[in-house]
ModelCIF file with pLDDT and N, C-alpha, C, O atoms, coordinates in Angstrom:
data_MODEL
#
_entry.id   MODEL 
#
_entity.id                         1 
_entity.type                       polymer 
_entity.pdbx_number_of_molecules   1 
#
_entity_poly.entity_id                      1 
_entity_poly.type                           'polypeptide(L)' 
_entity_poly.nstd_linkage                   no 
_entity_poly.nstd_monomer                   no 
_entity_poly.pdbx_seq_one_letter_code       QAQLNSAFQVGVQEGYMIENGEITKPIRDTSISGIAIEALKKITAVGK 
_entity_poly.pdbx_seq_one_letter_code_can   QAQLNSAFQVGVQEGYMIENGEITKPIRDTSISGIAIEALKKITAVGK 
_entity_poly.pdbx_strand_id                 A 
#
loop_
_entity_poly_seq.entity_id 
_entity_poly_seq.num 
_entity_poly_seq.mon_id 
_entity_poly_seq.hetero 
1 1  GLN n 
1 2  ALA n 
1 3  GLN n 
1 4  LEU n 
1 5  ASN n 
1 6  SER n 
1 7  ALA n 
1 8  PHE n 
1 9  GLN n 
1 10 VAL n 
1 11 GLY n 
1 12 VAL n 
1 13 GLN n 
1 14 GLU n 
1 15 GLY n 
1 16 TYR n 
1 17 MET n 
1 18 ILE n 
1 19 GLU n 
1 20 ASN n 
1 21 GLY n 
1 22 GLU n 
1 23 ILE n 
1 24 THR n 
1 25 LYS n 
1 26 PRO n 
1 27 ILE n 
1 28 ARG n 
1 29 ASP n 
1 30 THR n 
1 31 SER n 
1 32 ILE n 
1 33 SER n 
1 34 GLY n 
1 35 ILE n 
1 36 ALA n 
1 37 ILE n 
1 38 GLU n 
1 39 ALA n 
1 40 LEU n 
1 41 LYS n 
1 42 LYS n 
1 43 ILE n 
1 44 THR n 
1 45 ALA n 
1 46 VAL n 
1 47 GLY n 
1 48 LYS n 
#
_struct_asym.id          A 
_struct_asym.entity_id   1 
#
loop_
_ma_qa_metric.id 
_ma_qa_metric.mode 
_ma_qa_metric.name 
_ma_qa_metric.software_group_id 
_ma_qa_metric.type 
1 global pLDDT . pLDDT 
2 local  pLDDT . pLDDT 
#
_ma_qa_metric_global.metric_id      1 
_ma_qa_metric_global.metric_value   95.85 
_ma_qa_metric_global.model_id       1 
_ma_qa_metric_global.ordinal_id     1 
#
loop_
_ma_qa_metric_local.label_asym_id 
_ma_qa_metric_local.label_comp_id 
_ma_qa_metric_local.label_seq_id 
_ma_qa_metric_local.metric_id 
_ma_qa_metric_local.metric_value 
_ma_qa_metric_local.model_id 
_ma_qa_metric_local.ordinal_id 
A GLN 1  2 85.00 1 1  
A ALA 2  2 91.00 1 2  
A GLN 3  2 93.00 1 3  
A LEU 4  2 92.00 1 4  
A ASN 5  2 93.00 1 5  
A SER 6  2 94.00 1 6  
A ALA 7  2 95.00 1 7  
A PHE 8  2 95.00 1 8  
A GLN 9  2 95.00 1 9  
A VAL 10 2 95.00 1 10 
A GLY 11 2 94.00 1 11 
A VAL 12 2 95.00 1 12 
A GLN 13 2 95.00 1 13 
A GLU 14 2 96.00 1 14 
A GLY 15 2 97.00 1 15 
A TYR 16 2 98.00 1 16 
A MET 17 2 98.00 1 17 
A ILE 18 2 98.00 1 18 
A GLU 19 2 98.00 1 19 
A ASN 20 2 98.00 1 20 
A GLY 21 2 98.00 1 21 
A GLU 22 2 98.00 1 22 
A ILE 23 2 98.00 1 23 
A THR 24 2 98.00 1 24 
A LYS 25 2 97.00 1 25 
A PRO 26 2 97.00 1 26 
A ILE 27 2 97.00 1 27 
A ARG 28 2 94.00 1 28 
A ASP 29 2 89.00 1 29 
A THR 30 2 93.00 1 30 
A SER 31 2 96.00 1 31 
A ILE 32 2 97.00 1 32 
A SER 33 2 97.00 1 33 
A GLY 34 2 96.00 1 34 
A ILE 35 2 96.00 1 35 
A ALA 36 2 96.00 1 36 
A ILE 37 2 96.00 1 37 
A GLU 38 2 96.00 1 38 
A ALA 39 2 97.00 1 39 
A LEU 40 2 97.00 1 40 
A LYS 41 2 97.00 1 41 
A LYS 42 2 98.00 1 42 
A ILE 43 2 98.00 1 43 
A THR 44 2 98.00 1 44 
A ALA 45 2 98.00 1 45 
A VAL 46 2 98.00 1 46 
A GLY 47 2 98.00 1 47 
A LYS 48 2 98.00 1 48 
#
loop_
_atom_site.group_PDB 
_atom_site.id 
_atom_site.type_symbol 
_atom_site.label_atom_id 
_atom_site.label_alt_id 
_atom_site.label_comp_id 
_atom_site.label_asym_id 
_atom_site.label_entity_id 
_atom_site.label_seq_id 
_atom_site.pdbx_PDB_ins_code 
_atom_site.Cartn_x 
_atom_site.Cartn_y 
_atom_site.Cartn_z 
_atom_site.occupancy 
_atom_site.B_iso_or_equiv 
_atom_site.pdbx_formal_charge 
_atom_site.auth_seq_id 
_atom_site.auth_comp_id 
_atom_site.auth_asym_id 
_atom_site.auth_atom_id 
_atom_site.pdbx_PDB_model_num 
ATOM 1   N N  . GLN A 1 1  ? 0.846  -1.185  0.000   1.00 85.00 ? 1  GLN A N  1 
ATOM 2   C CA . GLN A 1 1  ? 0.000  0.000   0.000   1.00 85.00 ? 1  GLN A CA 1 
ATOM 3   C C  . GLN A 1 1  ? 0.887  1.242   0.000   1.00 85.00 ? 1  GLN A C  1 
ATOM 4   O O  . GLN A 1 1  ? 2.046  1.205   0.413   1.00 85.00 ? 1  GLN A O  1 
ATOM 5   N N  . ALA A 1 2  ? 0.308  2.334   -0.474  1.00 91.00 ? 2  ALA A N  1 
ATOM 6   C CA . ALA A 1 2  ? 1.025  3.601   -0.505  1.00 91.00 ? 2  ALA A CA 1 
ATOM 7   C C  . ALA A 1 2  ? 0.040  4.729   -0.253  1.00 91.00 ? 2  ALA A C  1 
ATOM 8   O O  . ALA A 1 2  ? -1.166 4.559   -0.429  1.00 91.00 ? 2  ALA A O  1 
ATOM 9   N N  . GLN A 1 3  ? 0.551  5.875   0.157   1.00 93.00 ? 3  GLN A N  1 
ATOM 10  C CA . GLN A 1 3  ? -0.273 7.034   0.438   1.00 93.00 ? 3  GLN A CA 1 
ATOM 11  C C  . GLN A 1 3  ? 0.197  8.208   -0.404  1.00 93.00 ? 3  GLN A C  1 
ATOM 12  O O  . GLN A 1 3  ? 1.275  8.166   -0.997  1.00 93.00 ? 3  GLN A O  1 
ATOM 13  N N  . LEU A 1 4  ? -0.625 9.264   -0.456  1.00 92.00 ? 4  LEU A N  1 
ATOM 14  C CA . LEU A 1 4  ? -0.298 10.398  -1.305  1.00 92.00 ? 4  LEU A CA 1 
ATOM 15  C C  . LEU A 1 4  ? 0.863  11.237  -0.790  1.00 92.00 ? 4  LEU A C  1 
ATOM 16  O O  . LEU A 1 4  ? 1.300  12.166  -1.468  1.00 92.00 ? 4  LEU A O  1 
ATOM 17  N N  . ASN A 1 5  ? 1.370  10.920  0.405   1.00 93.00 ? 5  ASN A N  1 
ATOM 18  C CA . ASN A 1 5  ? 2.613  11.582  0.840   1.00 93.00 ? 5  ASN A CA 1 
ATOM 19  C C  . ASN A 1 5  ? 3.832  10.782  0.400   1.00 93.00 ? 5  ASN A C  1 
ATOM 20  O O  . ASN A 1 5  ? 4.961  11.106  0.770   1.00 93.00 ? 5  ASN A O  1 
ATOM 21  N N  . SER A 1 6  ? 3.601  9.725   -0.399  1.00 94.00 ? 6  SER A N  1 
ATOM 22  C CA . SER A 1 6  ? 4.596  8.802   -0.963  1.00 94.00 ? 6  SER A CA 1 
ATOM 23  C C  . SER A 1 6  ? 5.087  7.764   0.039   1.00 94.00 ? 6  SER A C  1 
ATOM 24  O O  . SER A 1 6  ? 6.038  7.037   -0.249  1.00 94.00 ? 6  SER A O  1 
ATOM 25  N N  . ALA A 1 7  ? 4.451  7.681   1.220   1.00 95.00 ? 7  ALA A N  1 
ATOM 26  C CA . ALA A 1 7  ? 4.783  6.599   2.152   1.00 95.00 ? 7  ALA A CA 1 
ATOM 27  C C  . ALA A 1 7  ? 4.312  5.271   1.564   1.00 95.00 ? 7  ALA A C  1 
ATOM 28  O O  . ALA A 1 7  ? 3.220  5.183   1.003   1.00 95.00 ? 7  ALA A O  1 
ATOM 29  N N  . PHE A 1 8  ? 5.150  4.237   1.698   1.00 95.00 ? 8  PHE A N  1 
ATOM 30  C CA . PHE A 1 8  ? 4.778  2.930   1.151   1.00 95.00 ? 8  PHE A CA 1 
ATOM 31  C C  . PHE A 1 8  ? 5.201  1.819   2.091   1.00 95.00 ? 8  PHE A C  1 
ATOM 32  O O  . PHE A 1 8  ? 6.156  1.955   2.855   1.00 95.00 ? 8  PHE A O  1 
ATOM 33  N N  . GLN A 1 9  ? 4.472  0.718   2.019   1.00 95.00 ? 9  GLN A N  1 
ATOM 34  C CA . GLN A 1 9  ? 4.863  -0.522  2.684   1.00 95.00 ? 9  GLN A CA 1 
ATOM 35  C C  . GLN A 1 9  ? 4.513  -1.659  1.748   1.00 95.00 ? 9  GLN A C  1 
ATOM 36  O O  . GLN A 1 9  ? 3.375  -1.769  1.292   1.00 95.00 ? 9  GLN A O  1 
ATOM 37  N N  . VAL A 1 10 ? 5.488  -2.502  1.462   1.00 95.00 ? 10 VAL A N  1 
ATOM 38  C CA . VAL A 1 10 ? 5.334  -3.568  0.473   1.00 95.00 ? 10 VAL A CA 1 
ATOM 39  C C  . VAL A 1 10 ? 5.810  -4.886  1.065   1.00 95.00 ? 10 VAL A C  1 
ATOM 40  O O  . VAL A 1 10 ? 6.920  -4.971  1.590   1.00 95.00 ? 10 VAL A O  1 
ATOM 41  N N  . GLY A 1 11 ? 4.968  -5.917  0.982   1.00 94.00 ? 11 GLY A N  1 
ATOM 42  C CA . GLY A 1 11 ? 5.374  -7.252  1.398   1.00 94.00 ? 11 GLY A CA 1 
ATOM 43  C C  . GLY A 1 11 ? 6.348  -7.837  0.385   1.00 94.00 ? 11 GLY A C  1 
ATOM 44  O O  . GLY A 1 11 ? 6.190  -7.631  -0.818  1.00 94.00 ? 11 GLY A O  1 
ATOM 45  N N  . VAL A 1 12 ? 7.339  -8.555  0.857   1.00 95.00 ? 12 VAL A N  1 
ATOM 46  C CA . VAL A 1 12 ? 8.351  -9.149  -0.023  1.00 95.00 ? 12 VAL A CA 1 
ATOM 47  C C  . VAL A 1 12 ? 8.136  -10.658 -0.071  1.00 95.00 ? 12 VAL A C  1 
ATOM 48  O O  . VAL A 1 12 ? 8.198  -11.325 0.962   1.00 95.00 ? 12 VAL A O  1 
ATOM 49  N N  . GLN A 1 13 ? 7.885  -11.200 -1.259  1.00 95.00 ? 13 GLN A N  1 
ATOM 50  C CA . GLN A 1 13 ? 7.684  -12.644 -1.374  1.00 95.00 ? 13 GLN A CA 1 
ATOM 51  C C  . GLN A 1 13 ? 8.931  -13.379 -1.864  1.00 95.00 ? 13 GLN A C  1 
ATOM 52  O O  . GLN A 1 13 ? 8.978  -14.609 -1.849  1.00 95.00 ? 13 GLN A O  1 
ATOM 53  N N  . GLU A 1 14 ? 9.940  -12.620 -2.298  1.00 96.00 ? 14 GLU A N  1 
ATOM 54  C CA . GLU A 1 14 ? 11.228 -13.233 -2.612  1.00 96.00 ? 14 GLU A CA 1 
ATOM 55  C C  . GLU A 1 14 ? 12.326 -12.223 -2.324  1.00 96.00 ? 14 GLU A C  1 
ATOM 56  O O  . GLU A 1 14 ? 12.334 -11.123 -2.876  1.00 96.00 ? 14 GLU A O  1 
ATOM 57  N N  . GLY A 1 15 ? 13.250 -12.606 -1.457  1.00 97.00 ? 15 GLY A N  1 
ATOM 58  C CA . GLY A 1 15 ? 14.352 -11.732 -1.103  1.00 97.00 ? 15 GLY A CA 1 
ATOM 59  C C  . GLY A 1 15 ? 15.509 -12.543 -0.527  1.00 97.00 ? 15 GLY A C  1 
ATOM 60  O O  . GLY A 1 15 ? 15.336 -13.693 -0.122  1.00 97.00 ? 15 GLY A O  1 
ATOM 61  N N  . TYR A 1 16 ? 16.691 -11.928 -0.496  1.00 98.00 ? 16 TYR A N  1 
ATOM 62  C CA . TYR A 1 16 ? 17.897 -12.625 -0.054  1.00 98.00 ? 16 TYR A CA 1 
ATOM 63  C C  . TYR A 1 16 ? 18.808 -11.676 0.718   1.00 98.00 ? 16 TYR A C  1 
ATOM 64  O O  . TYR A 1 16 ? 18.736 -10.458 0.552   1.00 98.00 ? 16 TYR A O  1 
ATOM 65  N N  . MET A 1 17 ? 19.651 -12.239 1.550   1.00 98.00 ? 17 MET A N  1 
ATOM 66  C CA . MET A 1 17 ? 20.675 -11.466 2.223   1.00 98.00 ? 17 MET A CA 1 
ATOM 67  C C  . MET A 1 17 ? 21.851 -11.241 1.281   1.00 98.00 ? 17 MET A C  1 
ATOM 68  O O  . MET A 1 17 ? 22.148 -12.071 0.422   1.00 98.00 ? 17 MET A O  1 
ATOM 69  N N  . ILE A 1 18 ? 22.508 -10.108 1.460   1.00 98.00 ? 18 ILE A N  1 
ATOM 70  C CA . ILE A 1 18 ? 23.781 -9.842  0.777   1.00 98.00 ? 18 ILE A CA 1 
ATOM 71  C C  . ILE A 1 18 ? 24.856 -9.781  1.858   1.00 98.00 ? 18 ILE A C  1 
ATOM 72  O O  . ILE A 1 18 ? 24.775 -8.969  2.780   1.00 98.00 ? 18 ILE A O  1 
ATOM 73  N N  . GLU A 1 19 ? 25.846 -10.634 1.739   1.00 98.00 ? 19 GLU A N  1 
ATOM 74  C CA . GLU A 1 19 ? 26.929 -10.672 2.724   1.00 98.00 ? 19 GLU A CA 1 
ATOM 75  C C  . GLU A 1 19 ? 28.270 -10.667 1.992   1.00 98.00 ? 19 GLU A C  1 
ATOM 76  O O  . GLU A 1 19 ? 28.554 -11.539 1.170   1.00 98.00 ? 19 GLU A O  1 
ATOM 77  N N  . ASN A 1 20 ? 29.090 -9.655  2.314   1.00 98.00 ? 20 ASN A N  1 
ATOM 78  C CA . ASN A 1 20 ? 30.424 -9.537  1.725   1.00 98.00 ? 20 ASN A CA 1 
ATOM 79  C C  . ASN A 1 20 ? 30.396 -9.642  0.196   1.00 98.00 ? 20 ASN A C  1 
ATOM 80  O O  . ASN A 1 20 ? 31.210 -10.332 -0.416  1.00 98.00 ? 20 ASN A O  1 
ATOM 81  N N  . GLY A 1 21 ? 29.428 -8.932  -0.397  1.00 98.00 ? 21 GLY A N  1 
ATOM 82  C CA . GLY A 1 21 ? 29.336 -8.870  -1.846  1.00 98.00 ? 21 GLY A CA 1 
ATOM 83  C C  . GLY A 1 21 ? 28.756 -10.086 -2.525  1.00 98.00 ? 21 GLY A C  1 
ATOM 84  O O  . GLY A 1 21 ? 28.860 -10.221 -3.744  1.00 98.00 ? 21 GLY A O  1 
ATOM 85  N N  . GLU A 1 22 ? 28.133 -10.996 -1.747  1.00 98.00 ? 22 GLU A N  1 
ATOM 86  C CA . GLU A 1 22 ? 27.554 -12.209 -2.309  1.00 98.00 ? 22 GLU A CA 1 
ATOM 87  C C  . GLU A 1 22 ? 26.096 -12.356 -1.881  1.00 98.00 ? 22 GLU A C  1 
ATOM 88  O O  . GLU A 1 22 ? 25.723 -11.967 -0.775  1.00 98.00 ? 22 GLU A O  1 
ATOM 89  N N  . ILE A 1 23 ? 25.268 -12.927 -2.777  1.00 98.00 ? 23 ILE A N  1 
ATOM 90  C CA . ILE A 1 23 ? 23.885 -13.272 -2.426  1.00 98.00 ? 23 ILE A CA 1 
ATOM 91  C C  . ILE A 1 23 ? 23.932 -14.574 -1.634  1.00 98.00 ? 23 ILE A C  1 
ATOM 92  O O  . ILE A 1 23 ? 24.488 -15.571 -2.095  1.00 98.00 ? 23 ILE A O  1 
ATOM 93  N N  . THR A 1 24 ? 23.336 -14.556 -0.424  1.00 98.00 ? 24 THR A N  1 
ATOM 94  C CA . THR A 1 24 ? 23.421 -15.750 0.425   1.00 98.00 ? 24 THR A CA 1 
ATOM 95  C C  . THR A 1 24 ? 22.021 -16.292 0.760   1.00 98.00 ? 24 THR A C  1 
ATOM 96  O O  . THR A 1 24 ? 21.327 -16.783 -0.131  1.00 98.00 ? 24 THR A O  1 
ATOM 97  N N  . LYS A 1 25 ? 21.606 -16.211 2.007   1.00 97.00 ? 25 LYS A N  1 
ATOM 98  C CA . LYS A 1 25 ? 20.372 -16.871 2.443   1.00 97.00 ? 25 LYS A CA 1 
ATOM 99  C C  . LYS A 1 25 ? 19.111 -16.138 1.986   1.00 97.00 ? 25 LYS A C  1 
ATOM 100 O O  . LYS A 1 25 ? 19.085 -14.909 1.922   1.00 97.00 ? 25 LYS A O  1 
ATOM 101 N N  . PRO A 1 26 ? 18.049 -16.920 1.664   1.00 97.00 ? 26 PRO A N  1 
ATOM 102 C CA . PRO A 1 26 ? 16.762 -16.283 1.394   1.00 97.00 ? 26 PRO A CA 1 
ATOM 103 C C  . PRO A 1 26 ? 16.149 -15.761 2.694   1.00 97.00 ? 26 PRO A C  1 
ATOM 104 O O  . PRO A 1 26 ? 16.507 -16.221 3.778   1.00 97.00 ? 26 PRO A O  1 
ATOM 105 N N  . ILE A 1 27 ? 15.230 -14.807 2.589   1.00 97.00 ? 27 ILE A N  1 
ATOM 106 C CA . ILE A 1 27 ? 14.552 -14.243 3.767   1.00 97.00 ? 27 ILE A CA 1 
ATOM 107 C C  . ILE A 1 27 ? 13.057 -14.468 3.650   1.00 97.00 ? 27 ILE A C  1 
ATOM 108 O O  . ILE A 1 27 ? 12.535 -14.666 2.553   1.00 97.00 ? 27 ILE A O  1 
ATOM 109 N N  . ARG A 1 28 ? 12.360 -14.438 4.797   1.00 94.00 ? 28 ARG A N  1 
ATOM 110 C CA . ARG A 1 28 ? 10.915 -14.680 4.816   1.00 94.00 ? 28 ARG A CA 1 
ATOM 111 C C  . ARG A 1 28 ? 10.241 -13.689 5.753   1.00 94.00 ? 28 ARG A C  1 
ATOM 112 O O  . ARG A 1 28 ? 10.899 -12.986 6.519   1.00 94.00 ? 28 ARG A O  1 
ATOM 113 N N  . ASP A 1 29 ? 8.889  -13.648 5.674   1.00 89.00 ? 29 ASP A N  1 
ATOM 114 C CA . ASP A 1 29 ? 8.083  -12.784 6.544   1.00 89.00 ? 29 ASP A CA 1 
ATOM 115 C C  . ASP A 1 29 ? 8.644  -11.367 6.550   1.00 89.00 ? 29 ASP A C  1 
ATOM 116 O O  . ASP A 1 29 ? 8.938  -10.801 7.603   1.00 89.00 ? 29 ASP A O  1 
ATOM 117 N N  . THR A 1 30 ? 8.784  -10.812 5.355   1.00 93.00 ? 30 THR A N  1 
ATOM 118 C CA . THR A 1 30 ? 9.522  -9.563  5.192   1.00 93.00 ? 30 THR A CA 1 
ATOM 119 C C  . THR A 1 30 ? 8.677  -8.500  4.510   1.00 93.00 ? 30 THR A C  1 
ATOM 120 O O  . THR A 1 30 ? 7.843  -8.805  3.658   1.00 93.00 ? 30 THR A O  1 
ATOM 121 N N  . SER A 1 31 ? 8.900  -7.258  4.888   1.00 96.00 ? 31 SER A N  1 
ATOM 122 C CA . SER A 1 31 ? 8.335  -6.135  4.146   1.00 96.00 ? 31 SER A CA 1 
ATOM 123 C C  . SER A 1 31 ? 9.362  -5.020  4.089   1.00 96.00 ? 31 SER A C  1 
ATOM 124 O O  . SER A 1 31 ? 10.303 -4.978  4.882   1.00 96.00 ? 31 SER A O  1 
ATOM 125 N N  . ILE A 1 32 ? 9.168  -4.125  3.145   1.00 97.00 ? 32 ILE A N  1 
ATOM 126 C CA . ILE A 1 32 ? 9.982  -2.915  3.083   1.00 97.00 ? 32 ILE A CA 1 
ATOM 127 C C  . ILE A 1 32 ? 9.058  -1.711  3.177   1.00 97.00 ? 32 ILE A C  1 
ATOM 128 O O  . ILE A 1 32 ? 7.911  -1.767  2.732   1.00 97.00 ? 32 ILE A O  1 
ATOM 129 N N  . SER A 1 33 ? 9.549  -0.631  3.751   1.00 97.00 ? 33 SER A N  1 
ATOM 130 C CA . SER A 1 33 ? 8.735  0.571   3.900   1.00 97.00 ? 33 SER A CA 1 
ATOM 131 C C  . SER A 1 33 ? 9.625  1.801   3.819   1.00 97.00 ? 33 SER A C  1 
ATOM 132 O O  . SER A 1 33 ? 10.844 1.725   3.975   1.00 97.00 ? 33 SER A O  1 
ATOM 133 N N  . GLY A 1 34 ? 8.989  2.928   3.573   1.00 96.00 ? 34 GLY A N  1 
ATOM 134 C CA . GLY A 1 34 ? 9.735  4.174   3.501   1.00 96.00 ? 34 GLY A CA 1 
ATOM 135 C C  . GLY A 1 34 ? 8.888  5.298   2.945   1.00 96.00 ? 34 GLY A C  1 
ATOM 136 O O  . GLY A 1 34 ? 7.692  5.127   2.711   1.00 96.00 ? 34 GLY A O  1 
ATOM 137 N N  . ILE A 1 35 ? 9.506  6.443   2.736   1.00 96.00 ? 35 ILE A N  1 
ATOM 138 C CA . ILE A 1 35 ? 8.903  7.588   2.062   1.00 96.00 ? 35 ILE A CA 1 
ATOM 139 C C  . ILE A 1 35 ? 9.600  7.699   0.719   1.00 96.00 ? 35 ILE A C  1 
ATOM 140 O O  . ILE A 1 35 ? 10.793 7.998   0.662   1.00 96.00 ? 35 ILE A O  1 
ATOM 141 N N  . ALA A 1 36 ? 8.873  7.464   -0.355  1.00 96.00 ? 36 ALA A N  1 
ATOM 142 C CA . ALA A 1 36 ? 9.505  7.318   -1.669  1.00 96.00 ? 36 ALA A CA 1 
ATOM 143 C C  . ALA A 1 36 ? 10.279 8.551   -2.103  1.00 96.00 ? 36 ALA A C  1 
ATOM 144 O O  . ALA A 1 36 ? 11.354 8.428   -2.691  1.00 96.00 ? 36 ALA A O  1 
ATOM 145 N N  . ILE A 1 37 ? 9.749  9.748   -1.822  1.00 96.00 ? 37 ILE A N  1 
ATOM 146 C CA . ILE A 1 37 ? 10.476 10.948  -2.273  1.00 96.00 ? 37 ILE A CA 1 
ATOM 147 C C  . ILE A 1 37 ? 11.770 11.152  -1.482  1.00 96.00 ? 37 ILE A C  1 
ATOM 148 O O  . ILE A 1 37 ? 12.666 11.871  -1.924  1.00 96.00 ? 37 ILE A O  1 
ATOM 149 N N  . GLU A 1 38 ? 11.862 10.516  -0.308  1.00 96.00 ? 38 GLU A N  1 
ATOM 150 C CA . GLU A 1 38 ? 13.128 10.531  0.437   1.00 96.00 ? 38 GLU A CA 1 
ATOM 151 C C  . GLU A 1 38 ? 14.044 9.415   -0.046  1.00 96.00 ? 38 GLU A C  1 
ATOM 152 O O  . GLU A 1 38 ? 15.257 9.598   -0.155  1.00 96.00 ? 38 GLU A O  1 
ATOM 153 N N  . ALA A 1 39 ? 13.452 8.252   -0.336  1.00 97.00 ? 39 ALA A N  1 
ATOM 154 C CA . ALA A 1 39 ? 14.247 7.119   -0.829  1.00 97.00 ? 39 ALA A CA 1 
ATOM 155 C C  . ALA A 1 39 ? 14.903 7.436   -2.169  1.00 97.00 ? 39 ALA A C  1 
ATOM 156 O O  . ALA A 1 39 ? 16.001 6.956   -2.451  1.00 97.00 ? 39 ALA A O  1 
ATOM 157 N N  . LEU A 1 40 ? 14.232 8.246   -3.001  1.00 97.00 ? 40 LEU A N  1 
ATOM 158 C CA . LEU A 1 40 ? 14.800 8.631   -4.289  1.00 97.00 ? 40 LEU A CA 1 
ATOM 159 C C  . LEU A 1 40 ? 16.194 9.237   -4.138  1.00 97.00 ? 40 LEU A C  1 
ATOM 160 O O  . LEU A 1 40 ? 17.089 8.986   -4.946  1.00 97.00 ? 40 LEU A O  1 
ATOM 161 N N  . LYS A 1 41 ? 16.356 10.035  -3.093  1.00 97.00 ? 41 LYS A N  1 
ATOM 162 C CA . LYS A 1 41 ? 17.622 10.733  -2.874  1.00 97.00 ? 41 LYS A CA 1 
ATOM 163 C C  . LYS A 1 41 ? 18.740 9.770   -2.489  1.00 97.00 ? 41 LYS A C  1 
ATOM 164 O O  . LYS A 1 41 ? 19.920 10.110  -2.578  1.00 97.00 ? 41 LYS A O  1 
ATOM 165 N N  . LYS A 1 42 ? 18.358 8.557   -2.057  1.00 98.00 ? 42 LYS A N  1 
ATOM 166 C CA . LYS A 1 42 ? 19.338 7.577   -1.577  1.00 98.00 ? 42 LYS A CA 1 
ATOM 167 C C  . LYS A 1 42 ? 19.734 6.567   -2.655  1.00 98.00 ? 42 LYS A C  1 
ATOM 168 O O  . LYS A 1 42 ? 20.487 5.633   -2.382  1.00 98.00 ? 42 LYS A O  1 
ATOM 169 N N  . ILE A 1 43 ? 19.226 6.753   -3.884  1.00 98.00 ? 43 ILE A N  1 
ATOM 170 C CA . ILE A 1 43 ? 19.617 5.852   -4.972  1.00 98.00 ? 43 ILE A CA 1 
ATOM 171 C C  . ILE A 1 43 ? 21.075 6.114   -5.339  1.00 98.00 ? 43 ILE A C  1 
ATOM 172 O O  . ILE A 1 43 ? 21.462 7.248   -5.620  1.00 98.00 ? 43 ILE A O  1 
ATOM 173 N N  . THR A 1 44 ? 21.872 5.058   -5.333  1.00 98.00 ? 44 THR A N  1 
ATOM 174 C CA . THR A 1 44 ? 23.304 5.219   -5.630  1.00 98.00 ? 44 THR A CA 1 
ATOM 175 C C  . THR A 1 44 ? 23.743 4.486   -6.891  1.00 98.00 ? 44 THR A C  1 
ATOM 176 O O  . THR A 1 44 ? 24.852 4.700   -7.381  1.00 98.00 ? 44 THR A O  1 
ATOM 177 N N  . ALA A 1 45 ? 22.877 3.619   -7.420  1.00 98.00 ? 45 ALA A N  1 
ATOM 178 C CA . ALA A 1 45 ? 23.256 2.888   -8.632  1.00 98.00 ? 45 ALA A CA 1 
ATOM 179 C C  . ALA A 1 45 ? 21.996 2.453   -9.376  1.00 98.00 ? 45 ALA A C  1 
ATOM 180 O O  . ALA A 1 45 ? 21.008 2.051   -8.762  1.00 98.00 ? 45 ALA A O  1 
ATOM 181 N N  . VAL A 1 46 ? 22.044 2.539   -10.716 1.00 98.00 ? 46 VAL A N  1 
ATOM 182 C CA . VAL A 1 46 ? 20.940 2.125   -11.579 1.00 98.00 ? 46 VAL A CA 1 
ATOM 183 C C  . VAL A 1 46 ? 21.472 1.116   -12.580 1.00 98.00 ? 46 VAL A C  1 
ATOM 184 O O  . VAL A 1 46 ? 22.428 1.401   -13.300 1.00 98.00 ? 46 VAL A O  1 
ATOM 185 N N  . GLY A 1 47 ? 20.867 -0.054  -12.633 1.00 98.00 ? 47 GLY A N  1 
ATOM 186 C CA . GLY A 1 47 ? 21.361 -1.149  -13.460 1.00 98.00 ? 47 GLY A CA 1 
ATOM 187 C C  . GLY A 1 47 ? 21.161 -0.936  -14.949 1.00 98.00 ? 47 GLY A C  1 
ATOM 188 O O  . GLY A 1 47 ? 20.358 -0.104  -15.372 1.00 98.00 ? 47 GLY A O  1 
ATOM 189 N N  . LYS A 1 48 ? 21.893 -1.692  -15.724 1.00 98.00 ? 48 LYS A N  1 
ATOM 190 C CA . LYS A 1 48 ? 21.794 -1.623  -17.182 1.00 98.00 ? 48 LYS A CA 1 
ATOM 191 C C  . LYS A 1 48 ? 20.741 -2.573  -17.734 1.00 98.00 ? 48 LYS A C  1 
ATOM 192 O O  . LYS A 1 48 ? 20.537 -2.632  -18.947 1.00 98.00 ? 48 LYS A O  1 
#
């Protein structure tokens, strides 16, 4: 779900840990949340 202030919360049905530059264990019962217009400023890399 999301709101008009750009706050969002999203359930994650597939995700993994990153440890020392490697994809390792899968994760469960997970969600991500934030304020999208603030998260935009924290983008450091965009894939090809």
